[in-house]
Amino acid sequence: MALSTTDIPQRAQHFLECGIEDCERNCEFYCNPCHQRLCKQCRDEHLKSPENRNHEVVLYQQRKRQLPVEKCKIHPTKNMDMLCEECQVPLCSKCATKGDHQRHTLINLETIYEEKFVLFQEEVSKIHEFFLPISRDFQKEIKQDAVEIKHTIDNIRTSMKTEGESLKSLVDTVISENMRQVDQIEQSLLEDLSTQDKTLNDYNTYLYSLSKELHKCLFSTEPLKLVCEKKPKVRSIPETIKPVTPGFTAGQYSKSDVTKLLGKIHVPDTKAEKRDIRPIESVYNTAMKPTHKQIKEDGKKFDMKQTMSLSASVTKVREFNVPDVSDVWHLSLDQSDRLWISDSDGTLVQTDLHGNEVQIIKESGEWEGYQTVTQDGDLIIKEKNKVVIRRKTQDNNIIDYLKTGDWEPKSVHSSRINGDILVGMEKDGEAKVTRYNKTGKELHNIQRDSKGQRLYRNPYCITENINGDICTSDHEAIVVVNKSGQHRFSYTGQESKFHPFGICTDVLGHILVCDTYSNTVHLLDQDGQFLSLLLTQQQGVYTPLSVCVDNENNLYVGQYSNTLTVYKYLQ
């Protein structure tokens, strides 16, 4: 089968046949002067010939590209096989000996063609291995940024509306109180005036009556009796008080005062950072030529994901007790392959993977034992009925790390992807998951889906999958959102009742969750498809509370006792 050089893929030598007629063996070598594909046997025969003895025969991948045949336009019988270095134009042998090119430097055109071919091939490789991947990653980042910006702006709009409604409510309250006060003043003044009016009415009646009696005396049939009558004494006019009417001082405020009350939009004055593009030399040379250690580590991870699968059956590896805890409420694995075990009474115990205790922490107050370990090795602790999440540093200092305001933390998890802290919280019947960065700055809240429906009721436990999904063990459901907070799916179990509790993920993206109602551990894929009941009551599981997977892919299951059981479920 004959192939032209333009039809031969660069790395397809194991698909090529030897170019010698009637030889169907695989091509391994290439004769550069003859531009001939050769197998090992044909190479040996080729070099035995005296005229070929000095030919350069190389591995096929190291071959020189054959110069495409192109006839000279001036001398149609001649092929162009030289390059004038000064004029940078291809020439045939006749052109080279005539005209302007006679004293110019001439270069073998095939050599230049090979150099340019390799150069352009390298550029194509860089495009596909460096420029396109980075450009596509930037596109993904831009789309993700757009999603996060929309989420952030939506939160700002919600906050603005909330502030506005709050201010309106305060304005209504103040106006109502002022109205009630002015009504009381009006009623009091009118009552005083009414009393004074009645007093004067009574006085007027008295005057009319007295005037009538005196009139009788003046025009009596016995006029001389008037001489003996005493001078009448008229009662004084009752005192009355002129009311003091209230006034109203209008509020002194401006638009800036209202802005202070309602808050305002502010754009950080920090300069926007350019997306980081590492030098092509460092990326191309280092990334394309990894160290032996990188090859070994990356290969191990790749091989693990490629070769691992679910075992046909689950095998118990070992079992051990942790005497200083009453139950295994929650489990975390730290960077040094040690377990943090916490119970519902406020005790935290650090052990190795075989249950040998390393340290114990017991503080005042009951804990609903939730903890997680950061990328730096610090322990993050959520205390029961507190709105503060604490951090125990590696030098054994315990500090207040996150303050959650009116929201009570229910669960906590430190991301192994970027170190962010995820916290499940509750307040007044509402629930949410909040993402914080490593320094404790709030990044965004996840509370409702795209239709405005509440996602969470009671976020007991929380974890993160290898694809960045946030997996939450909630009231009667597993709720999974992507890293931007968009709802992906909810899993509600296989029976009429489902009480999920402890939750974790593994290297293959599986979701493992405890069901305290059916005494089982469910296994889901990362898209929420039910795979199996990994562990059941028949295997000795009773009220499973916590799960985690170590770096050797062993599954640890904690129950409503101080016993930890280790299983192997991947092969």
Protein backbone atom coordinates (compact mmCIF):
# COMPACT_ATOMS: atom_id res chain seq x y z
CA MET A 1 0.00 0.00 0.00
CA ALA A 2 1.63 3.22 -1.16
CA LEU A 3 1.27 6.39 0.88
CA SER A 4 2.45 9.87 0.02
CA THR A 5 4.44 11.72 2.66
CA THR A 6 1.59 14.13 3.22
CA ASP A 7 -0.69 11.19 4.13
CA ILE A 8 1.58 9.85 6.87
CA PRO A 9 0.66 10.90 10.41
CA GLN A 10 3.59 12.06 12.52
CA ARG A 11 3.20 9.39 15.20
CA ALA A 12 1.68 6.58 13.17
CA GLN A 13 4.75 4.47 12.43
CA HIS A 14 3.12 1.32 13.87
CA PHE A 15 0.43 1.64 11.18
CA LEU A 16 2.90 2.01 8.29
CA GLU A 17 4.20 -0.76 6.12
CA CYS A 18 7.70 -1.02 4.81
CA GLY A 19 8.08 0.83 1.51
CA ILE A 20 10.00 -1.97 -0.25
CA GLU A 21 7.83 -3.72 -2.80
CA ASP A 22 6.19 -6.97 -1.61
CA CYS A 23 7.37 -6.36 1.98
CA GLU A 24 4.40 -6.12 4.35
CA ARG A 25 6.32 -5.79 7.59
CA ASN A 26 5.94 -2.72 9.80
CA CYS A 27 8.03 0.32 8.95
CA GLU A 28 10.56 1.17 11.69
CA PHE A 29 13.30 3.10 9.84
CA TYR A 30 13.68 5.74 7.20
CA CYS A 31 16.47 6.40 4.67
CA ASN A 32 16.80 10.18 4.42
CA PRO A 33 18.68 10.32 1.09
CA CYS A 34 16.29 7.85 -0.59
CA HIS A 35 13.18 8.95 1.35
CA GLN A 36 12.36 5.29 1.72
CA ARG A 37 10.39 3.60 4.53
CA LEU A 38 12.20 0.46 5.76
CA CYS A 39 11.63 -2.40 8.16
CA LYS A 40 14.59 -3.79 10.11
CA GLN A 41 15.36 -6.52 7.58
CA CYS A 42 15.05 -4.19 4.58
CA ARG A 43 17.26 -1.63 6.32
CA ASP A 44 20.01 -4.20 6.70
CA GLU A 45 19.68 -5.19 3.04
CA HIS A 46 19.60 -1.53 1.99
CA LEU A 47 22.87 -0.72 3.77
CA LYS A 48 24.64 -3.80 2.39
CA SER A 49 24.59 -2.27 -1.07
CA PRO A 50 27.85 -0.33 -1.73
CA GLU A 51 26.02 2.69 -3.15
CA ASN A 52 23.85 2.92 -0.03
CA ARG A 53 26.54 2.26 2.55
CA ASN A 54 26.89 5.91 3.56
CA HIS A 55 23.17 6.67 3.52
CA GLU A 56 21.68 8.18 6.68
CA VAL A 57 19.12 5.68 7.97
CA VAL A 58 17.26 6.81 11.09
CA LEU A 59 14.24 5.82 13.14
CA TYR A 60 11.09 6.72 11.28
CA GLN A 61 10.10 9.42 13.78
CA GLN A 62 13.49 11.10 13.33
CA ARG A 63 13.23 11.22 9.55
CA LYS A 64 13.72 14.32 7.43
CA ARG A 65 10.62 15.38 5.61
CA GLN A 66 10.83 14.90 1.88
CA LEU A 67 10.82 18.13 -0.06
CA PRO A 68 7.61 18.38 -2.09
CA VAL A 69 8.29 18.34 -5.81
CA GLU A 70 7.75 21.75 -7.42
CA LYS A 71 8.91 22.62 -10.94
CA CYS A 72 10.75 25.81 -11.69
CA LYS A 73 8.57 28.27 -13.58
CA ILE A 74 11.54 29.50 -15.61
CA HIS A 75 13.03 26.03 -16.25
CA PRO A 76 10.07 23.61 -16.27
CA THR A 77 12.28 20.55 -16.54
CA LYS A 78 14.07 21.36 -13.30
CA ASN A 79 12.86 20.97 -9.73
CA MET A 80 13.36 23.79 -7.24
CA ASP A 81 15.88 22.45 -4.73
CA MET A 82 17.82 25.47 -3.47
CA LEU A 83 17.13 28.60 -1.48
CA CYS A 84 18.86 31.91 -2.11
CA GLU A 85 19.67 33.10 1.41
CA GLU A 86 19.90 36.80 0.40
CA CYS A 87 16.73 36.86 -1.74
CA GLN A 88 14.83 34.23 0.25
CA VAL A 89 13.39 32.63 -2.88
CA PRO A 90 13.44 28.97 -4.01
CA LEU A 91 15.61 28.22 -7.08
CA CYS A 92 16.46 25.39 -9.43
CA SER A 93 20.07 24.57 -10.31
CA LYS A 94 19.96 26.60 -13.53
CA CYS A 95 18.54 29.71 -11.81
CA ALA A 96 21.35 29.45 -9.25
CA THR A 97 24.07 29.75 -11.90
CA LYS A 98 22.55 32.71 -13.72
CA GLY A 99 21.43 36.24 -13.11
CA ASP A 100 21.42 37.95 -9.73
CA HIS A 101 21.90 34.73 -7.69
CA GLN A 102 25.35 33.80 -9.03
CA ARG A 103 27.30 35.20 -6.08
CA HIS A 104 24.60 34.70 -3.45
CA THR A 105 24.72 32.08 -0.72
CA LEU A 106 22.66 29.04 -1.65
CA ILE A 107 21.19 26.60 0.88
CA ASN A 108 19.78 23.14 0.36
CA LEU A 109 16.03 23.72 0.14
CA GLU A 110 15.27 20.35 1.68
CA THR A 111 17.21 21.30 4.83
CA ILE A 112 15.29 24.56 5.16
CA TYR A 113 12.03 22.76 4.49
CA GLU A 114 12.76 20.24 7.24
CA GLU A 115 13.67 23.01 9.73
CA LYS A 116 10.55 24.99 8.92
CA PHE A 117 8.40 21.86 9.02
CA VAL A 118 9.62 21.04 12.54
CA LEU A 119 9.25 24.69 13.61
CA PHE A 120 5.69 24.96 12.38
CA GLN A 121 4.86 21.55 13.80
CA GLU A 122 6.07 22.76 17.20
CA GLU A 123 3.85 25.82 16.90
CA VAL A 124 0.86 23.63 16.07
CA SER A 125 1.71 21.51 19.10
CA LYS A 126 1.92 24.62 21.31
CA ILE A 127 -1.44 25.80 20.03
CA HIS A 128 -3.13 22.53 20.95
CA GLU A 129 -1.18 21.83 24.14
CA PHE A 130 -0.85 25.35 25.57
CA PHE A 131 -2.84 28.17 23.95
CA LEU A 132 -6.14 26.38 23.28
CA PRO A 133 -6.38 24.66 26.72
CA ILE A 134 -5.65 27.94 28.56
CA SER A 135 -8.05 29.88 26.34
CA ARG A 136 -10.77 27.29 26.94
CA ASP A 137 -10.08 27.34 30.68
CA PHE A 138 -10.46 31.13 30.62
CA GLN A 139 -13.77 30.73 28.80
CA LYS A 140 -14.92 28.36 31.54
CA GLU A 141 -13.74 30.84 34.18
CA ILE A 142 -15.56 33.67 32.43
CA LYS A 143 -18.79 31.67 32.31
CA GLN A 144 -18.32 30.74 35.96
CA ASP A 145 -17.59 34.38 36.80
CA ALA A 146 -20.80 35.38 35.03
CA VAL A 147 -22.76 32.85 37.09
CA GLU A 148 -21.14 34.04 40.31
CA ILE A 149 -21.69 37.71 39.43
CA LYS A 150 -25.38 37.05 38.73
CA HIS A 151 -25.63 35.18 42.03
CA THR A 152 -23.85 38.00 43.88
CA ILE A 153 -25.99 40.71 42.25
CA ASP A 154 -29.16 38.74 43.03
CA ASN A 155 -28.05 38.60 46.67
CA ILE A 156 -27.40 42.36 46.60
CA ARG A 157 -30.86 42.98 45.15
CA THR A 158 -32.40 40.79 47.84
CA SER A 159 -30.44 42.64 50.54
CA MET A 160 -31.48 46.02 49.11
CA LYS A 161 -35.13 45.00 49.06
CA THR A 162 -34.83 43.66 52.59
CA GLU A 163 -33.24 46.91 53.78
CA GLY A 164 -35.96 48.91 52.01
CA GLU A 165 -38.74 46.84 53.53
CA SER A 166 -37.08 47.14 56.93
CA LEU A 167 -36.85 50.94 56.62
CA LYS A 168 -40.46 51.13 55.40
CA SER A 169 -41.51 49.12 58.41
CA LEU A 170 -39.59 51.47 60.73
CA VAL A 171 -41.11 54.53 58.99
CA ASP A 172 -44.61 53.05 59.39
CA THR A 173 -43.88 52.32 63.05
CA VAL A 174 -42.63 55.87 63.77
CA ILE A 175 -45.55 57.47 61.91
CA SER A 176 -48.02 55.28 63.77
CA GLU A 177 -46.47 56.23 67.10
CA ASN A 178 -46.52 59.95 66.18
CA MET A 179 -50.14 59.69 65.04
CA ARG A 180 -51.07 57.97 68.28
CA GLN A 181 -49.33 60.71 70.28
CA VAL A 182 -51.01 63.55 68.39
CA ASP A 183 -54.38 61.82 68.77
CA GLN A 184 -53.86 61.66 72.53
CA ILE A 185 -52.87 65.37 72.65
CA GLU A 186 -55.94 66.30 70.63
CA GLN A 187 -58.22 64.25 72.85
CA SER A 188 -56.76 65.78 76.04
CA LEU A 189 -57.09 69.38 74.75
CA LEU A 190 -60.64 68.83 73.54
CA GLU A 191 -61.60 67.27 76.85
CA ASP A 192 -60.21 70.35 78.70
CA LEU A 193 -62.09 72.73 76.39
CA SER A 194 -65.26 70.69 76.78
CA THR A 195 -64.97 70.95 80.59
CA GLN A 196 -64.46 74.72 80.36
CA ASP A 197 -67.44 75.04 78.02
CA LYS A 198 -69.66 73.15 80.48
CA THR A 199 -68.45 75.34 83.35
CA LEU A 200 -69.39 78.48 81.40
CA ASN A 201 -72.76 76.99 80.43
CA ASP A 202 -73.48 76.38 84.12
CA TYR A 203 -72.35 79.93 84.90
CA ASN A 204 -74.57 81.41 82.21
CA THR A 205 -77.55 79.49 83.59
CA TYR A 206 -76.76 80.88 87.00
CA LEU A 207 -76.62 84.45 85.60
CA TYR A 208 -79.93 84.05 83.79
CA SER A 209 -81.54 82.78 86.96
CA LEU A 210 -80.11 85.61 89.09
CA SER A 211 -81.12 88.23 86.54
CA LYS A 212 -84.66 86.90 86.58
CA GLU A 213 -84.90 87.12 90.38
CA LEU A 214 -83.54 90.66 90.43
CA HIS A 215 -86.00 91.66 87.72
CA LYS A 216 -88.87 90.46 89.90
CA CYS A 217 -87.61 92.62 92.75
CA LEU A 218 -87.48 95.68 90.51
CA PHE A 219 -91.00 95.33 89.29
CA SER A 220 -92.65 93.94 92.41
CA THR A 221 -96.21 95.08 93.48
CA GLU A 222 -94.61 96.15 96.71
CA PRO A 223 -91.86 98.46 95.52
CA LEU A 224 -90.81 99.56 98.97
CA LYS A 225 -89.56 96.07 99.77
CA LEU A 226 -86.64 96.87 97.46
CA VAL A 227 -85.43 99.27 100.12
CA CYS A 228 -84.96 96.47 102.59
CA GLU A 229 -83.27 94.01 100.17
CA LYS A 230 -79.51 93.54 100.32
CA LYS A 231 -77.44 94.35 97.30
CA PRO A 232 -77.07 91.17 95.26
CA LYS A 233 -73.55 89.76 94.83
CA VAL A 234 -72.85 88.21 91.46
CA ARG A 235 -70.38 85.30 91.39
CA SER A 236 -67.17 85.92 89.49
CA ILE A 237 -66.75 84.61 85.99
CA PRO A 238 -65.05 81.23 86.15
CA GLU A 239 -61.43 81.13 85.00
CA THR A 240 -60.74 79.42 81.68
CA ILE A 241 -57.40 78.49 80.09
CA LYS A 242 -56.51 79.12 76.53
CA PRO A 243 -55.13 75.83 75.09
CA VAL A 244 -51.55 75.52 73.96
CA THR A 245 -51.65 73.80 70.60
CA PRO A 246 -48.85 71.39 69.66
CA GLY A 247 -46.43 71.96 66.81
CA PHE A 248 -44.61 69.64 64.43
CA THR A 249 -40.93 69.81 63.61
CA ALA A 250 -40.30 68.29 60.21
CA GLY A 251 -37.51 65.75 60.00
CA GLN A 252 -34.16 67.04 58.87
CA TYR A 253 -32.77 64.55 56.39
CA SER A 254 -31.26 64.37 52.94
CA LYS A 255 -30.73 61.75 50.28
CA SER A 256 -27.33 60.91 51.77
CA ASP A 257 -29.00 60.31 55.17
CA VAL A 258 -31.41 57.84 53.58
CA THR A 259 -28.50 56.22 51.73
CA LYS A 260 -26.72 55.71 55.04
CA LEU A 261 -29.83 54.00 56.37
CA LEU A 262 -30.40 51.83 53.33
CA GLY A 263 -26.79 51.17 52.37
CA LYS A 264 -25.27 51.81 48.97
CA ILE A 265 -23.55 49.92 46.19
CA HIS A 266 -19.79 50.15 46.30
CA VAL A 267 -17.33 48.87 43.74
CA PRO A 268 -13.95 47.97 45.26
CA ASP A 269 -11.27 50.45 44.22
CA THR A 270 -8.79 47.63 43.80
CA LYS A 271 -7.57 47.23 40.26
CA ALA A 272 -8.99 44.20 38.46
CA GLU A 273 -6.34 41.54 38.16
CA LYS A 274 -5.48 40.02 34.83
CA ARG A 275 -6.06 36.32 34.54
CA ASP A 276 -2.77 34.57 35.14
CA ILE A 277 -1.06 33.25 32.03
CA ARG A 278 2.14 31.50 32.94
CA PRO A 279 5.04 31.88 30.51
CA ILE A 280 4.83 29.37 27.72
CA GLU A 281 8.35 28.24 28.49
CA SER A 282 7.46 27.19 32.02
CA VAL A 283 4.18 25.60 31.02
CA TYR A 284 5.35 24.02 27.79
CA ASN A 285 8.71 22.79 29.04
CA THR A 286 7.64 21.85 32.56
CA ALA A 287 4.11 20.69 31.93
CA MET A 288 5.01 18.79 28.80
CA LYS A 289 8.14 17.34 30.40
CA PRO A 290 7.12 16.45 33.97
CA THR A 291 9.61 15.34 36.57
CA HIS A 292 9.93 11.70 37.49
CA LYS A 293 8.15 12.43 40.78
CA GLN A 294 5.27 14.19 39.01
CA ILE A 295 4.98 11.36 36.50
CA LYS A 296 4.89 8.87 39.34
CA GLU A 297 2.30 10.79 41.40
CA ASP A 298 0.08 11.74 38.47
CA GLY A 299 0.33 8.25 37.10
CA LYS A 300 -0.68 6.80 40.43
CA LYS A 301 -3.76 9.03 40.63
CA PHE A 302 -4.66 8.41 37.00
CA ASP A 303 -4.16 4.68 37.30
CA MET A 304 -6.21 4.63 40.49
CA LYS A 305 -9.19 6.33 38.83
CA GLN A 306 -8.83 4.29 35.65
CA THR A 307 -8.43 0.88 37.27
CA MET A 308 -10.58 1.22 40.40
CA SER A 309 -14.13 -0.04 40.47
CA LEU A 310 -16.70 -1.28 42.96
CA SER A 311 -15.94 -4.66 44.46
CA ALA A 312 -18.39 -7.49 44.00
CA SER A 313 -18.79 -7.58 47.78
CA VAL A 314 -17.91 -5.44 50.78
CA THR A 315 -15.23 -6.82 53.10
CA LYS A 316 -14.76 -5.91 56.74
CA VAL A 317 -11.10 -4.99 57.25
CA ARG A 318 -11.01 -4.26 60.98
CA GLU A 319 -12.99 -2.87 63.90
CA PHE A 320 -11.89 -0.89 66.95
CA ASN A 321 -13.37 0.98 69.91
CA VAL A 322 -12.68 4.57 70.94
CA PRO A 323 -13.21 4.46 74.72
CA ASP A 324 -13.33 8.21 75.35
CA VAL A 325 -16.38 8.92 73.16
CA SER A 326 -19.97 7.91 73.78
CA ASP A 327 -20.78 7.63 70.06
CA VAL A 328 -19.12 8.33 66.72
CA TRP A 329 -21.22 11.35 65.79
CA HIS A 330 -18.86 12.72 63.17
CA LEU A 331 -15.61 11.74 61.41
CA SER A 332 -12.91 13.79 59.68
CA LEU A 333 -9.60 12.77 58.13
CA ASP A 334 -6.67 15.19 58.46
CA GLN A 335 -3.66 15.69 56.19
CA SER A 336 -1.49 13.30 58.20
CA ASP A 337 -3.92 10.38 57.80
CA ARG A 338 -5.33 10.68 61.31
CA LEU A 339 -8.98 10.57 62.30
CA TRP A 340 -10.84 13.18 64.31
CA ILE A 341 -13.78 11.52 66.06
CA SER A 342 -16.40 13.57 67.90
CA ASP A 343 -19.46 12.53 69.89
CA SER A 344 -22.71 14.27 70.81
CA ASP A 345 -21.46 15.12 74.33
CA GLY A 346 -18.61 17.44 73.33
CA THR A 347 -15.60 15.12 73.24
CA LEU A 348 -13.13 15.15 70.34
CA VAL A 349 -10.53 12.42 70.00
CA GLN A 350 -7.73 12.19 67.46
CA THR A 351 -6.59 8.65 66.60
CA ASP A 352 -4.48 6.92 64.02
CA LEU A 353 -6.23 4.72 61.46
CA HIS A 354 -6.18 1.79 63.87
CA GLY A 355 -7.83 3.56 66.81
CA ASN A 356 -4.74 4.44 68.87
CA GLU A 357 -5.52 7.75 70.57
CA VAL A 358 -3.23 10.73 69.91
CA GLN A 359 -5.03 13.54 71.77
CA ILE A 360 -8.36 14.38 73.42
CA ILE A 361 -10.20 17.72 73.53
CA LYS A 362 -13.03 18.28 76.01
CA GLU A 363 -14.47 21.77 76.54
CA SER A 364 -17.37 23.07 78.56
CA GLY A 365 -20.80 22.89 77.01
CA GLU A 366 -22.40 20.21 74.87
CA TRP A 367 -21.45 19.91 71.27
CA GLU A 368 -23.28 18.37 68.40
CA GLY A 369 -19.91 17.06 67.32
CA TYR A 370 -19.19 18.53 63.93
CA GLN A 371 -15.63 19.28 62.90
CA THR A 372 -13.46 19.43 59.80
CA VAL A 373 -9.75 19.80 59.06
CA THR A 374 -8.40 22.58 56.82
CA GLN A 375 -5.73 22.28 54.14
CA ASP A 376 -3.31 23.81 56.69
CA GLY A 377 -4.08 21.09 59.23
CA ASP A 378 -6.15 23.29 61.58
CA LEU A 379 -9.27 21.85 63.22
CA ILE A 380 -12.58 23.69 62.65
CA ILE A 381 -15.18 23.07 65.38
CA LYS A 382 -18.93 23.80 65.40
CA GLU A 383 -20.40 24.03 68.88
CA LYS A 384 -24.03 23.25 69.65
CA ASN A 385 -26.43 26.19 70.03
CA LYS A 386 -23.65 28.70 69.30
CA VAL A 387 -23.32 31.24 66.48
CA VAL A 388 -19.53 31.06 66.50
CA ILE A 389 -17.35 28.50 64.72
CA ARG A 390 -14.01 27.97 66.40
CA ARG A 391 -10.59 27.08 65.00
CA LYS A 392 -7.89 25.07 66.74
CA THR A 393 -4.51 25.89 65.23
CA GLN A 394 -1.61 23.46 65.13
CA ASP A 395 0.01 25.26 68.07
CA ASN A 396 -3.12 24.33 70.10
CA ASN A 397 -4.67 27.81 70.26
CA ILE A 398 -8.47 27.79 69.97
CA ILE A 399 -9.88 31.01 68.53
CA ASP A 400 -13.23 32.32 67.32
CA TYR A 401 -13.03 31.90 63.54
CA LEU A 402 -16.46 32.57 62.00
CA LYS A 403 -19.39 34.49 63.47
CA THR A 404 -22.70 33.63 61.84
CA GLY A 405 -24.92 36.34 63.33
CA ASP A 406 -28.49 35.17 63.92
CA TRP A 407 -27.89 31.91 62.06
CA GLU A 408 -27.03 28.79 64.06
CA PRO A 409 -24.41 26.58 62.37
CA LYS A 410 -25.49 22.96 61.95
CA SER A 411 -22.62 21.46 59.92
CA VAL A 412 -19.19 22.43 58.62
CA HIS A 413 -16.76 21.19 55.94
CA SER A 414 -13.37 22.38 54.64
CA SER A 415 -12.93 22.02 50.88
CA ARG A 416 -10.00 19.88 49.76
CA ILE A 417 -10.21 21.58 46.36
CA ASN A 418 -9.59 25.22 47.34
CA GLY A 419 -9.75 25.43 51.15
CA ASP A 420 -13.14 27.21 51.28
CA ILE A 421 -15.30 26.58 54.37
CA LEU A 422 -18.89 25.37 53.83
CA VAL A 423 -21.35 25.88 56.69
CA GLY A 424 -24.94 24.61 56.92
CA MET A 425 -27.12 26.91 59.09
CA GLU A 426 -30.64 27.40 60.45
CA LYS A 427 -32.69 30.39 61.64
CA ASP A 428 -36.42 30.74 62.35
CA GLY A 429 -37.38 27.73 60.25
CA GLU A 430 -35.14 28.76 57.34
CA ALA A 431 -31.93 26.98 56.34
CA LYS A 432 -28.99 27.69 54.03
CA VAL A 433 -25.44 26.73 53.12
CA THR A 434 -22.86 29.54 53.16
CA ARG A 435 -19.43 29.46 51.52
CA TYR A 436 -16.53 31.31 53.18
CA ASN A 437 -12.97 31.64 51.91
CA LYS A 438 -9.93 30.60 53.95
CA THR A 439 -9.81 33.93 55.78
CA GLY A 440 -13.45 33.69 56.86
CA LYS A 441 -14.87 36.14 54.32
CA GLU A 442 -18.41 35.26 53.25
CA LEU A 443 -18.52 34.49 49.52
CA HIS A 444 -22.15 33.53 48.86
CA ASN A 445 -25.26 31.90 50.32
CA ILE A 446 -27.16 28.95 48.88
CA GLN A 447 -30.77 28.90 50.03
CA ARG A 448 -33.25 28.50 47.15
CA ASP A 449 -33.38 26.89 43.71
CA SER A 450 -34.00 28.68 40.40
CA LYS A 451 -37.78 28.58 41.02
CA GLY A 452 -37.45 30.18 44.45
CA GLN A 453 -38.16 26.94 46.34
CA ARG A 454 -36.25 26.39 49.56
CA LEU A 455 -33.47 23.82 49.17
CA TYR A 456 -32.80 22.94 52.81
CA ARG A 457 -34.74 22.27 55.99
CA ASN A 458 -32.05 20.97 58.34
CA PRO A 459 -28.53 20.64 56.86
CA TYR A 460 -27.20 17.97 59.25
CA CYS A 461 -23.98 17.10 57.42
CA ILE A 462 -22.14 18.58 54.46
CA THR A 463 -19.30 17.53 52.14
CA GLU A 464 -17.84 18.29 48.70
CA ASN A 465 -17.43 15.94 45.73
CA ILE A 466 -14.44 15.72 43.37
CA ASN A 467 -16.32 17.80 40.73
CA GLY A 468 -16.98 20.63 43.22
CA ASP A 469 -20.60 19.66 43.95
CA ILE A 470 -21.79 20.51 47.48
CA CYS A 471 -23.56 17.45 48.93
CA THR A 472 -25.75 18.05 51.99
CA SER A 473 -27.47 15.52 54.17
CA ASP A 474 -30.73 17.33 54.88
CA HIS A 475 -34.12 16.47 56.39
CA GLU A 476 -35.32 13.35 54.52
CA ALA A 477 -33.15 14.07 51.43
CA ILE A 478 -29.66 14.43 50.05
CA VAL A 479 -29.47 17.85 48.36
CA VAL A 480 -26.72 18.38 45.79
CA VAL A 481 -25.85 21.73 44.19
CA ASN A 482 -22.93 22.63 41.97
CA LYS A 483 -20.10 24.84 43.22
CA SER A 484 -22.06 27.94 42.14
CA GLY A 485 -25.08 26.89 44.22
CA GLN A 486 -27.34 25.78 41.36
CA HIS A 487 -29.51 22.80 42.31
CA ARG A 488 -28.47 19.60 40.51
CA PHE A 489 -30.58 16.90 42.17
CA SER A 490 -32.10 15.62 45.40
CA TYR A 491 -32.10 11.98 46.52
CA THR A 492 -34.90 10.79 48.84
CA GLY A 493 -33.95 7.16 49.43
CA GLN A 494 -35.41 3.85 48.33
CA GLU A 495 -38.20 3.47 50.89
CA SER A 496 -41.09 5.56 52.15
CA LYS A 497 -38.92 6.93 54.95
CA PHE A 498 -35.35 8.18 54.63
CA HIS A 499 -33.37 9.80 57.43
CA PRO A 500 -29.95 10.68 56.01
CA PHE A 501 -27.13 11.65 58.32
CA GLY A 502 -23.36 11.21 57.84
CA ILE A 503 -22.17 11.76 54.27
CA CYS A 504 -18.87 11.58 52.33
CA THR A 505 -17.51 11.07 48.80
CA ASP A 506 -14.68 8.99 47.35
CA VAL A 507 -11.99 9.21 44.67
CA LEU A 508 -14.46 8.06 41.98
CA GLY A 509 -17.07 10.68 42.86
CA HIS A 510 -19.41 8.24 44.62
CA ILE A 511 -21.66 9.69 47.35
CA LEU A 512 -21.94 7.55 50.50
CA VAL A 513 -24.64 8.40 53.03
CA CYS A 514 -25.91 6.91 56.30
CA ASP A 515 -29.64 6.21 56.64
CA THR A 516 -30.44 6.00 60.35
CA TYR A 517 -34.02 4.86 59.64
CA SER A 518 -33.20 1.67 57.73
CA ASN A 519 -29.75 1.12 59.33
CA THR A 520 -28.03 1.19 55.93
CA VAL A 521 -25.31 3.02 54.00
CA HIS A 522 -26.44 4.08 50.51
CA LEU A 523 -24.07 4.37 47.54
CA LEU A 524 -24.88 6.87 44.75
CA ASP A 525 -22.94 8.00 41.70
CA GLN A 526 -22.05 11.71 41.38
CA ASP A 527 -25.23 12.34 39.34
CA GLY A 528 -27.50 10.99 42.08
CA GLN A 529 -28.21 7.56 40.61
CA PHE A 530 -28.72 4.89 43.28
CA LEU A 531 -26.10 2.13 42.92
CA SER A 532 -26.60 -0.09 45.97
CA LEU A 533 -27.19 -0.47 49.68
CA LEU A 534 -23.51 -0.78 50.42
CA LEU A 535 -24.02 -1.83 54.06
CA THR A 536 -27.14 -3.13 55.81
CA GLN A 537 -28.27 -4.27 59.24
CA GLN A 538 -27.47 -7.86 58.24
CA GLN A 539 -23.81 -6.81 58.12
CA GLY A 540 -23.95 -5.52 61.68
CA VAL A 541 -24.72 -1.87 60.91
CA TYR A 542 -27.01 -0.28 63.48
CA THR A 543 -27.86 3.44 63.52
CA PRO A 544 -24.95 4.56 61.32
CA LEU A 545 -24.08 8.18 62.08
CA SER A 546 -20.87 8.98 60.22
CA VAL A 547 -18.75 7.89 57.26
CA CYS A 548 -15.42 8.84 55.73
CA VAL A 549 -12.97 7.36 53.21
CA ASP A 550 -9.20 7.42 53.82
CA ASN A 551 -6.41 7.84 51.26
CA GLU A 552 -6.21 4.07 50.81
CA ASN A 553 -9.94 4.01 49.91
CA ASN A 554 -10.99 2.27 53.11
CA LEU A 555 -14.48 3.15 54.33
CA TYR A 556 -14.87 4.07 58.04
CA VAL A 557 -18.39 3.79 59.51
CA GLY A 558 -19.25 5.23 62.94
CA GLN A 559 -22.43 4.21 64.78
CA TYR A 560 -24.46 5.09 67.85
CA SER A 561 -21.73 3.48 69.98
CA ASN A 562 -18.00 4.03 70.36
CA THR A 563 -17.21 1.39 67.72
CA LEU A 564 -15.63 2.21 64.35
CA THR A 565 -15.73 -0.39 61.57
CA VAL A 566 -13.48 -0.31 58.50
CA TYR A 567 -14.56 -1.81 55.15
CA LYS A 568 -13.05 -2.32 51.71
CA TYR A 569 -15.53 -1.71 48.88
CA LEU A 570 -13.31 -0.66 45.95
CA GLN A 571 -10.94 -2.89 44.04
